[in-house]
Amino acid sequence: MIDYKAKKIFNGHISIRDYIVRKAIRSNESIRVTYEGEKMILSVEQLKRAISTFHAKEFKSAFDNKTYKLYDFIWRKKEDEPIPNDQQLELF
């Protein structure tokens, strides 16, 4: 499992850079997202779906000038209900 610390939630969503999502898929690992002490787990299936449905816009890193995409996921704490597959595909 890959650990990822989210810095903010925007409109109920967290964003993860594409290279983190792709690394998790390649290694067949889920991502455990932590935000202010609360946790959420994204399965490999959810990560694969995000790649096929989200952002085409690329961003440029301020540090190393590399480009990346952001994939958005609905924030749900571990204690919350699981995210239905069709709901996760919605963009905000």
Protein backbone atom coordinates (compact mmCIF):
# COMPACT_ATOMS: atom_id res chain seq x y z
CA MET A 1 0.00 0.00 0.00
CA ILE A 2 1.27 3.44 -0.93
CA ASP A 3 0.78 6.21 1.63
CA TYR A 4 -0.15 9.67 0.38
CA LYS A 5 -0.74 12.79 2.48
CA ALA A 6 -3.34 15.14 0.96
CA LYS A 7 -2.67 18.81 1.60
CA LYS A 8 -6.19 20.06 0.98
CA ILE A 9 -9.73 19.10 0.07
CA PHE A 10 -11.46 21.14 -2.62
CA ASN A 11 -15.24 20.78 -3.09
CA GLY A 12 -15.13 17.44 -1.29
CA HIS A 13 -12.36 16.05 -3.53
CA ILE A 14 -8.66 15.31 -3.10
CA SER A 15 -6.21 15.40 -6.00
CA ILE A 16 -3.34 12.98 -6.58
CA ARG A 17 -0.63 13.45 -9.19
CA ASP A 18 -0.62 11.03 -12.11
CA TYR A 19 2.81 9.53 -11.44
CA ILE A 20 1.71 8.43 -7.95
CA VAL A 21 -1.48 6.85 -9.33
CA ARG A 22 0.44 5.10 -12.15
CA LYS A 23 3.07 3.78 -9.72
CA ALA A 24 0.33 2.26 -7.54
CA ILE A 25 -1.30 0.62 -10.57
CA ARG A 26 2.03 -0.76 -11.86
CA SER A 27 2.80 -2.30 -8.47
CA ASN A 28 -0.84 -3.40 -7.99
CA GLU A 29 -1.09 -1.47 -4.70
CA SER A 30 -3.88 0.63 -3.29
CA ILE A 31 -3.26 4.18 -2.03
CA ARG A 32 -3.97 5.13 1.59
CA VAL A 33 -4.73 8.85 1.64
CA THR A 34 -4.36 10.76 4.91
CA TYR A 35 -5.83 14.20 5.51
CA GLU A 36 -5.73 15.86 8.94
CA GLY A 37 -5.42 12.50 10.70
CA GLU A 38 -8.28 10.82 8.82
CA LYS A 39 -7.70 8.10 6.25
CA MET A 40 -9.23 6.83 3.02
CA ILE A 41 -8.16 3.89 0.85
CA LEU A 42 -8.35 3.93 -2.94
CA SER A 43 -8.32 0.51 -4.60
CA VAL A 44 -6.37 -0.30 -7.75
CA GLU A 45 -9.71 -0.55 -9.58
CA GLN A 46 -10.63 3.02 -8.57
CA LEU A 47 -7.20 4.24 -9.68
CA LYS A 48 -7.52 2.57 -13.10
CA ARG A 49 -10.93 4.11 -13.59
CA ALA A 50 -9.56 7.56 -12.75
CA ILE A 51 -6.91 7.30 -15.46
CA SER A 52 -9.49 6.42 -18.08
CA THR A 53 -11.97 9.18 -17.16
CA PHE A 54 -10.31 12.26 -15.67
CA HIS A 55 -8.27 15.36 -16.56
CA ALA A 56 -6.53 15.99 -19.82
CA LYS A 57 -5.02 19.24 -18.51
CA GLU A 58 -1.35 19.14 -17.58
CA PHE A 59 0.32 21.19 -14.87
CA LYS A 60 3.95 22.21 -14.56
CA SER A 61 5.92 21.63 -11.37
CA ALA A 62 7.37 24.77 -9.81
CA PHE A 63 10.41 22.81 -8.59
CA ASP A 64 11.68 20.65 -11.44
CA ASN A 65 9.69 21.95 -14.44
CA LYS A 66 8.19 18.50 -15.12
CA THR A 67 4.57 18.20 -16.19
CA TYR A 68 1.90 16.11 -14.48
CA LYS A 69 -1.86 15.53 -14.44
CA LEU A 70 -4.12 15.51 -11.41
CA TYR A 71 -6.70 12.83 -10.71
CA ASP A 72 -9.55 13.81 -8.37
CA PHE A 73 -11.25 11.47 -5.93
CA ILE A 74 -14.25 12.04 -3.67
CA TRP A 75 -12.99 12.34 -0.10
CA ARG A 76 -14.46 9.65 2.13
CA LYS A 77 -13.00 8.79 5.50
CA LYS A 78 -12.30 5.14 6.20
CA GLU A 79 -15.33 5.01 8.50
CA ASP A 80 -17.65 6.38 5.80
CA GLU A 81 -19.59 4.21 3.40
CA PRO A 82 -17.67 2.83 0.43
CA ILE A 83 -17.87 4.94 -2.70
CA PRO A 84 -20.19 3.40 -5.30
CA ASN A 85 -18.34 2.86 -8.58
CA ASP A 86 -20.64 5.15 -10.56
CA GLN A 87 -20.32 8.03 -8.06
CA GLN A 88 -16.54 8.09 -8.23
CA LEU A 89 -16.69 8.99 -11.92
CA GLU A 90 -18.38 12.34 -11.29
CA LEU A 91 -16.32 15.48 -11.70
CA PHE A 92 -16.96 18.55 -9.63
